[in-house]
Structures are given as structure tokens and as C-alpha cells.
């Protein structure tokens, strides 16, 4: 799966929640604002094809499916 440039929400409280890729920064920001907890902070991070977060998620998904 080649995502090209995409965006992740990086939560200040729990970085394990930023696995979902968004095609455009606006979508990531909109979702973060919708689901954030009071006083929770986040940043939107731009990533490319070599995104470590997406590789990690795909690897975990592979092992879950193949167990």
C-alpha cells in the first residue's frame, strides 16, 4: 500500500492512537478536534511512503490476521 504524502494525528497523551492515515491535513485536524478530550493536545504530522507508523500498523495487522 503506497500512501504517498499523508497525515497522522500525534496525541500528546498516547502516541499509540496516531495510526490512522489521512489523505489531507484538514481531515486529520477535523477528526482530532472531534474526538479530543478536554485539554488534550495534538499535532498533525506529515508523512511519506516510508512512514514508520503505517509500517508498524501493517505489520501488526499481518500478525493478527495470520495467527
N, C-alpha and C. Protein backbone atom coordinates (compact mmCIF):
# COMPACT_ATOMS: atom_id res chain seq x y z
N UNK A 1 0.86 -1.19 0.00
CA UNK A 1 0.00 0.00 0.00
C UNK A 1 0.90 1.24 0.00
N UNK A 2 0.85 1.99 -1.06
CA UNK A 2 1.65 3.20 -1.20
C UNK A 2 0.76 4.42 -0.93
N UNK A 3 0.95 5.05 0.22
CA UNK A 3 0.10 6.17 0.60
C UNK A 3 0.58 7.51 0.06
N UNK A 4 1.84 7.62 -0.29
CA UNK A 4 2.37 8.92 -0.66
C UNK A 4 2.32 9.86 0.54
N UNK A 5 2.21 11.15 0.28
CA UNK A 5 2.11 12.12 1.37
C UNK A 5 0.77 11.93 2.07
N UNK A 6 0.81 11.81 3.39
CA UNK A 6 -0.40 11.66 4.20
C UNK A 6 -0.12 12.26 5.58
N UNK A 7 -1.12 12.26 6.44
CA UNK A 7 -1.02 12.93 7.74
C UNK A 7 -1.51 12.02 8.85
N UNK A 8 -0.89 12.19 10.02
CA UNK A 8 -1.30 11.48 11.23
C UNK A 8 -1.57 12.47 12.34
N UNK A 9 -2.45 12.10 13.24
CA UNK A 9 -2.68 12.86 14.46
C UNK A 9 -1.68 12.33 15.48
N UNK A 10 -0.90 13.20 16.06
CA UNK A 10 0.05 12.79 17.10
C UNK A 10 -0.48 13.35 18.42
N UNK A 11 -1.01 12.48 19.24
CA UNK A 11 -1.57 12.88 20.53
C UNK A 11 -0.47 13.06 21.55
N UNK A 12 -0.60 14.07 22.37
CA UNK A 12 0.39 14.30 23.42
C UNK A 12 0.29 13.27 24.53
N UNK A 13 -0.89 12.71 24.72
CA UNK A 13 -1.12 11.78 25.83
C UNK A 13 -0.82 10.33 25.49
N UNK A 14 -1.05 9.90 24.24
CA UNK A 14 -0.90 8.49 23.90
C UNK A 14 -0.57 8.36 22.42
N UNK A 15 0.70 8.24 22.10
CA UNK A 15 1.12 8.20 20.70
C UNK A 15 0.64 6.94 19.97
N UNK A 16 0.15 5.94 20.68
CA UNK A 16 -0.33 4.73 20.01
C UNK A 16 -1.64 4.97 19.26
N UNK A 17 -2.26 6.11 19.46
CA UNK A 17 -3.52 6.39 18.79
C UNK A 17 -3.36 7.03 17.42
N UNK A 18 -2.16 7.34 17.01
CA UNK A 18 -1.98 8.06 15.76
C UNK A 18 -1.75 7.18 14.53
N UNK A 19 -2.29 5.98 14.51
CA UNK A 19 -2.02 5.04 13.43
C UNK A 19 -2.79 5.34 12.16
N UNK A 20 -3.95 5.95 12.24
CA UNK A 20 -4.79 6.13 11.06
C UNK A 20 -4.26 7.23 10.14
N UNK A 21 -4.03 6.91 8.85
CA UNK A 21 -3.57 7.95 7.92
C UNK A 21 -4.73 8.75 7.35
N UNK A 22 -4.50 10.01 7.12
CA UNK A 22 -5.46 10.90 6.47
C UNK A 22 -4.82 11.43 5.20
N UNK A 23 -5.58 11.52 4.14
CA UNK A 23 -5.05 11.99 2.85
C UNK A 23 -4.69 13.48 2.87
N UNK A 24 -5.49 14.27 3.57
CA UNK A 24 -5.23 15.71 3.64
C UNK A 24 -5.19 16.18 5.09
N UNK A 25 -4.42 17.20 5.34
CA UNK A 25 -4.23 17.72 6.69
C UNK A 25 -5.55 18.17 7.31
N UNK A 26 -6.41 18.76 6.52
CA UNK A 26 -7.70 19.24 7.02
C UNK A 26 -8.53 18.11 7.61
N UNK A 27 -8.52 16.93 6.99
CA UNK A 27 -9.28 15.78 7.51
C UNK A 27 -8.75 15.34 8.87
N UNK A 28 -7.43 15.32 9.00
CA UNK A 28 -6.81 14.91 10.27
C UNK A 28 -7.16 15.91 11.37
N UNK A 29 -7.09 17.20 11.05
CA UNK A 29 -7.41 18.23 12.03
C UNK A 29 -8.87 18.16 12.45
N UNK A 30 -9.74 17.98 11.49
CA UNK A 30 -11.18 17.89 11.77
C UNK A 30 -11.49 16.70 12.69
N UNK A 31 -10.88 15.55 12.41
CA UNK A 31 -11.10 14.37 13.25
C UNK A 31 -10.53 14.59 14.65
N UNK A 32 -9.34 15.15 14.74
CA UNK A 32 -8.73 15.39 16.04
C UNK A 32 -9.59 16.30 16.90
N UNK A 33 -10.11 17.35 16.30
CA UNK A 33 -10.97 18.27 17.05
C UNK A 33 -12.26 17.59 17.51
N UNK A 34 -12.74 16.66 16.69
CA UNK A 34 -13.99 15.95 17.03
C UNK A 34 -13.81 14.97 18.18
N UNK A 35 -12.66 14.30 18.25
CA UNK A 35 -12.51 13.23 19.25
C UNK A 35 -11.62 13.57 20.43
N UNK A 36 -10.98 14.73 20.41
CA UNK A 36 -10.07 15.04 21.52
C UNK A 36 -10.81 15.23 22.83
N UNK A 37 -10.13 14.92 23.91
CA UNK A 37 -10.66 15.11 25.26
C UNK A 37 -10.40 16.55 25.69
N UNK A 38 -11.14 17.03 26.67
CA UNK A 38 -10.88 18.39 27.17
C UNK A 38 -9.41 18.55 27.58
N UNK A 39 -8.81 19.62 27.16
CA UNK A 39 -7.42 19.98 27.48
C UNK A 39 -6.39 19.04 26.86
N UNK A 40 -6.81 18.12 26.01
CA UNK A 40 -5.86 17.24 25.34
C UNK A 40 -5.22 17.99 24.17
N UNK A 41 -3.95 17.71 23.92
CA UNK A 41 -3.23 18.40 22.86
C UNK A 41 -2.81 17.40 21.78
N UNK A 42 -2.67 17.92 20.59
CA UNK A 42 -2.25 17.09 19.47
C UNK A 42 -1.51 17.95 18.45
N UNK A 43 -0.84 17.30 17.55
CA UNK A 43 -0.27 17.97 16.40
C UNK A 43 -0.55 17.09 15.18
N UNK A 44 -0.55 17.69 14.02
CA UNK A 44 -0.76 16.95 12.78
C UNK A 44 0.62 16.81 12.12
N UNK A 45 0.98 15.57 11.82
CA UNK A 45 2.31 15.27 11.31
C UNK A 45 2.22 14.77 9.87
N UNK A 46 3.00 15.38 9.00
CA UNK A 46 3.05 14.95 7.59
C UNK A 46 4.03 13.79 7.45
N UNK A 47 3.61 12.78 6.71
CA UNK A 47 4.46 11.61 6.48
C UNK A 47 4.45 11.26 4.99
N UNK A 48 5.40 10.42 4.60
CA UNK A 48 5.51 9.97 3.22
C UNK A 48 5.44 8.45 3.14
N UNK A 49 5.93 7.92 2.03
CA UNK A 49 5.86 6.47 1.79
C UNK A 49 6.62 5.64 2.82
N UNK A 50 7.62 6.19 3.43
CA UNK A 50 8.42 5.45 4.41
C UNK A 50 7.92 5.65 5.84
N UNK A 51 6.67 5.93 6.00
CA UNK A 51 6.06 6.21 7.30
C UNK A 51 6.21 5.01 8.25
N UNK A 52 6.91 5.22 9.34
CA UNK A 52 7.12 4.15 10.32
C UNK A 52 5.81 3.72 10.98
N UNK A 53 4.91 4.66 11.19
CA UNK A 53 3.65 4.34 11.86
C UNK A 53 2.80 3.41 11.00
N UNK A 54 2.73 3.68 9.71
CA UNK A 54 1.94 2.82 8.81
C UNK A 54 2.59 1.45 8.67
N UNK A 55 3.92 1.40 8.59
CA UNK A 55 4.61 0.11 8.52
C UNK A 55 4.33 -0.72 9.76
N UNK A 56 4.39 -0.08 10.92
CA UNK A 56 4.13 -0.77 12.19
C UNK A 56 2.71 -1.30 12.23
N UNK A 57 1.76 -0.48 11.81
CA UNK A 57 0.35 -0.89 11.82
C UNK A 57 0.11 -2.06 10.86
N UNK A 58 0.69 -2.00 9.66
CA UNK A 58 0.53 -3.08 8.69
C UNK A 58 1.13 -4.37 9.22
N UNK A 59 2.27 -4.27 9.89
CA UNK A 59 2.92 -5.45 10.45
C UNK A 59 2.04 -6.08 11.54
N UNK A 60 1.49 -5.25 12.43
CA UNK A 60 0.60 -5.76 13.48
C UNK A 60 -0.64 -6.40 12.86
N UNK A 61 -1.22 -5.77 11.84
CA UNK A 61 -2.42 -6.30 11.17
C UNK A 61 -2.10 -7.65 10.53
N UNK A 62 -0.92 -7.78 9.94
CA UNK A 62 -0.50 -9.03 9.31
C UNK A 62 -0.47 -10.16 10.33
N UNK A 63 0.13 -9.91 11.49
CA UNK A 63 0.24 -10.95 12.51
C UNK A 63 -1.11 -11.31 13.11
N UNK A 64 -2.01 -10.35 13.25
CA UNK A 64 -3.34 -10.64 13.79
C UNK A 64 -4.11 -11.51 12.82
N UNK A 65 -4.05 -11.21 11.52
CA UNK A 65 -4.75 -11.97 10.51
C UNK A 65 -4.18 -13.38 10.39
N UNK A 66 -2.89 -13.53 10.56
CA UNK A 66 -2.23 -14.81 10.34
C UNK A 66 -2.02 -15.65 11.60
N UNK A 67 -2.63 -15.28 12.68
CA UNK A 67 -2.49 -16.06 13.93
C UNK A 67 -3.39 -17.28 13.89
